[in-house]
Amino acid sequence: MQIIREAKLKTLSPVALRNLDMLQKGDATIAEMKGISDEEMRAGMRAGRTLMEAGENEAAAEVLAGLALYDPYRADVWQALGELFQRLRQPRQARLFESLARSMVN
């Protein structure tokens, strides 16, 4: 399996390899690499919260999880996921997400 992975990495362009290296080191987020602005991320948050308020929990979870994937360093995303999982009566997951949010603020 390792040989296959190494062979696939050798076929990537130098830019793709640099981007992968930056992601692995935590030097960049997918949002930054794709040129997604802070305003666009905030718009995504508003959409996720609107869906949550409308009771569209599955859609809200998809939006918020996508935002977390694109920028895992945003405390507001993790806090919103915590709130969503509280609504879903899944306190264990909610505490995890809320703890992540708090750790980024402190």
C-alpha atoms as a PDB file:
ATOM      1  CA  MET A   1       0.000   0.000   0.000  1.00  0.00           C
ATOM      2  CA  GLN A   2       2.853   2.398   0.830  1.00  0.00           C
ATOM      3  CA  ILE A   3       4.392   1.788  -2.622  1.00  0.00           C
ATOM      4  CA  ILE A   4       1.112   2.703  -4.332  1.00  0.00           C
ATOM      5  CA  ARG A   5       0.839   5.881  -2.245  1.00  0.00           C
ATOM      6  CA  GLU A   6       4.413   6.900  -3.069  1.00  0.00           C
ATOM      7  CA  ALA A   7       3.825   6.243  -6.782  1.00  0.00           C
ATOM      8  CA  LYS A   8       0.719   8.445  -6.729  1.00  0.00           C
ATOM      9  CA  LEU A   9       2.621  11.244  -4.975  1.00  0.00           C
ATOM     10  CA  LYS A  10       5.311  11.134  -7.681  1.00  0.00           C
ATOM     11  CA  THR A  11       2.682  11.907 -10.314  1.00  0.00           C
ATOM     12  CA  LEU A  12       1.585  15.139  -8.611  1.00  0.00           C
ATOM     13  CA  SER A  13       2.778  18.470  -9.923  1.00  0.00           C
ATOM     14  CA  PRO A  14       5.309  20.460  -7.882  1.00  0.00           C
ATOM     15  CA  VAL A  15       2.561  22.933  -6.925  1.00  0.00           C
ATOM     16  CA  ALA A  16       0.262  20.140  -5.744  1.00  0.00           C
ATOM     17  CA  LEU A  17       3.097  18.600  -3.725  1.00  0.00           C
ATOM     18  CA  ARG A  18       3.865  21.974  -2.123  1.00  0.00           C
ATOM     19  CA  ASN A  19       0.186  22.474  -1.276  1.00  0.00           C
ATOM     20  CA  LEU A  20      -0.056  18.974   0.201  1.00  0.00           C
ATOM     21  CA  ASP A  21       3.046  19.643   2.283  1.00  0.00           C
ATOM     22  CA  MET A  22       1.582  22.941   3.530  1.00  0.00           C
ATOM     23  CA  LEU A  23      -1.673  21.222   4.510  1.00  0.00           C
ATOM     24  CA  GLN A  24       0.148  18.458   6.355  1.00  0.00           C
ATOM     25  CA  LYS A  25       2.229  20.974   8.310  1.00  0.00           C
ATOM     26  CA  GLY A  26      -0.790  23.151   9.130  1.00  0.00           C
ATOM     27  CA  ASP A  27       0.713  26.106   7.266  1.00  0.00           C
ATOM     28  CA  ALA A  28      -2.392  26.590   5.122  1.00  0.00           C
ATOM     29  CA  THR A  29      -6.052  25.618   5.013  1.00  0.00           C
ATOM     30  CA  ILE A  30      -8.051  24.355   2.077  1.00  0.00           C
ATOM     31  CA  ALA A  31     -10.025  27.604   2.194  1.00  0.00           C
ATOM     32  CA  GLU A  32      -6.824  29.619   1.796  1.00  0.00           C
ATOM     33  CA  MET A  33      -5.607  27.436  -1.049  1.00  0.00           C
ATOM     34  CA  LYS A  34      -8.920  27.734  -2.866  1.00  0.00           C
ATOM     35  CA  GLY A  35      -9.035  31.489  -2.330  1.00  0.00           C
ATOM     36  CA  ILE A  36     -12.166  31.403  -0.169  1.00  0.00           C
ATOM     37  CA  SER A  37     -12.426  34.716   1.642  1.00  0.00           C
ATOM     38  CA  ASP A  38     -13.324  35.272   5.264  1.00  0.00           C
ATOM     39  CA  GLU A  39     -16.568  36.895   4.092  1.00  0.00           C
ATOM     40  CA  GLU A  40     -17.447  33.757   2.115  1.00  0.00           C
ATOM     41  CA  MET A  41     -16.757  31.621   5.186  1.00  0.00           C
ATOM     42  CA  ARG A  42     -19.002  33.906   7.267  1.00  0.00           C
ATOM     43  CA  ALA A  43     -21.724  33.568   4.616  1.00  0.00           C
ATOM     44  CA  GLY A  44     -21.406  29.795   4.922  1.00  0.00           C
ATOM     45  CA  MET A  45     -21.773  30.121   8.689  1.00  0.00           C
ATOM     46  CA  ARG A  46     -24.918  32.219   8.247  1.00  0.00           C
ATOM     47  CA  ALA A  47     -26.332  29.585   5.887  1.00  0.00           C
ATOM     48  CA  GLY A  48     -25.536  26.793   8.346  1.00  0.00           C
ATOM     49  CA  ARG A  49     -27.154  28.659  11.235  1.00  0.00           C
ATOM     50  CA  THR A  50     -30.218  29.494   9.112  1.00  0.00           C
ATOM     51  CA  LEU A  51     -30.635  25.824   8.259  1.00  0.00           C
ATOM     52  CA  MET A  52     -30.209  24.899  11.918  1.00  0.00           C
ATOM     53  CA  GLU A  53     -32.845  27.425  12.993  1.00  0.00           C
ATOM     54  CA  ALA A  54     -35.220  26.054  10.341  1.00  0.00           C
ATOM     55  CA  GLY A  55     -34.789  22.537  11.733  1.00  0.00           C
ATOM     56  CA  GLU A  56     -32.895  21.367   8.656  1.00  0.00           C
ATOM     57  CA  ASN A  57     -30.340  19.646  10.861  1.00  0.00           C
ATOM     58  CA  GLU A  58     -28.859  17.277   8.287  1.00  0.00           C
ATOM     59  CA  ALA A  59     -28.279  20.078   5.789  1.00  0.00           C
ATOM     60  CA  ALA A  60     -26.874  22.299   8.553  1.00  0.00           C
ATOM     61  CA  ALA A  61     -24.483  19.528   9.589  1.00  0.00           C
ATOM     62  CA  GLU A  62     -23.268  19.148   5.999  1.00  0.00           C
ATOM     63  CA  VAL A  63     -22.642  22.882   5.618  1.00  0.00           C
ATOM     64  CA  LEU A  64     -20.889  23.210   8.969  1.00  0.00           C
ATOM     65  CA  ALA A  65     -18.801  20.064   8.478  1.00  0.00           C
ATOM     66  CA  GLY A  66     -17.711  21.392   5.082  1.00  0.00           C
ATOM     67  CA  LEU A  67     -16.678  24.688   6.662  1.00  0.00           C
ATOM     68  CA  ALA A  68     -14.724  22.790   9.327  1.00  0.00           C
ATOM     69  CA  LEU A  69     -12.952  20.821   6.612  1.00  0.00           C
ATOM     70  CA  TYR A  70     -12.075  23.954   4.656  1.00  0.00           C
ATOM     71  CA  ASP A  71     -10.833  25.835   7.728  1.00  0.00           C
ATOM     72  CA  PRO A  72     -10.437  23.714  10.864  1.00  0.00           C
ATOM     73  CA  TYR A  73      -9.075  26.695  12.811  1.00  0.00           C
ATOM     74  CA  ARG A  74     -12.379  28.603  13.041  1.00  0.00           C
ATOM     75  CA  ALA A  75     -13.771  28.400  16.559  1.00  0.00           C
ATOM     76  CA  ASP A  76     -17.167  29.680  15.387  1.00  0.00           C
ATOM     77  CA  VAL A  77     -17.642  26.636  13.162  1.00  0.00           C
ATOM     78  CA  TRP A  78     -16.883  24.194  15.984  1.00  0.00           C
ATOM     79  CA  GLN A  79     -19.158  26.135  18.352  1.00  0.00           C
ATOM     80  CA  ALA A  80     -22.009  25.970  15.827  1.00  0.00           C
ATOM     81  CA  LEU A  81     -21.465  22.220  15.427  1.00  0.00           C
ATOM     82  CA  GLY A  82     -21.610  21.898  19.214  1.00  0.00           C
ATOM     83  CA  GLU A  83     -24.902  23.767  19.292  1.00  0.00           C
ATOM     84  CA  LEU A  84     -26.278  21.598  16.504  1.00  0.00           C
ATOM     85  CA  PHE A  85     -25.376  18.381  18.296  1.00  0.00           C
ATOM     86  CA  GLN A  86     -26.953  19.704  21.502  1.00  0.00           C
ATOM     87  CA  ARG A  87     -30.172  20.168  19.505  1.00  0.00           C
ATOM     88  CA  LEU A  88     -29.801  16.620  18.194  1.00  0.00           C
ATOM     89  CA  ARG A  89     -29.503  15.395  21.792  1.00  0.00           C
ATOM     90  CA  GLN A  90     -26.009  14.056  21.231  1.00  0.00           C
ATOM     91  CA  PRO A  91     -24.231  15.600  24.212  1.00  0.00           C
ATOM     92  CA  ARG A  92     -20.983  13.679  23.824  1.00  0.00           C
ATOM     93  CA  GLN A  93     -20.352  14.993  20.321  1.00  0.00           C
ATOM     94  CA  ALA A  94     -21.590  18.439  21.343  1.00  0.00           C
ATOM     95  CA  ARG A  95     -19.081  18.600  24.207  1.00  0.00           C
ATOM     96  CA  LEU A  96     -16.263  17.571  21.865  1.00  0.00           C
ATOM     97  CA  PHE A  97     -17.051  20.321  19.344  1.00  0.00           C
ATOM     98  CA  GLU A  98     -17.597  22.933  22.050  1.00  0.00           C
ATOM     99  CA  SER A  99     -14.289  21.934  23.665  1.00  0.00           C
ATOM    100  CA  LEU A 100     -12.518  22.394  20.336  1.00  0.00           C
ATOM    101  CA  ALA A 101     -14.056  25.852  20.016  1.00  0.00           C
ATOM    102  CA  ARG A 102     -12.988  26.844  23.539  1.00  0.00           C
ATOM    103  CA  SER A 103      -9.443  25.603  22.972  1.00  0.00           C
ATOM    104  CA  MET A 104      -9.089  27.948  19.997  1.00  0.00           C
ATOM    105  CA  VAL A 105     -10.315  30.991  21.894  1.00  0.00           C
ATOM    106  CA  ASN A 106      -8.162  30.531  24.998  1.00  0.00           C
END
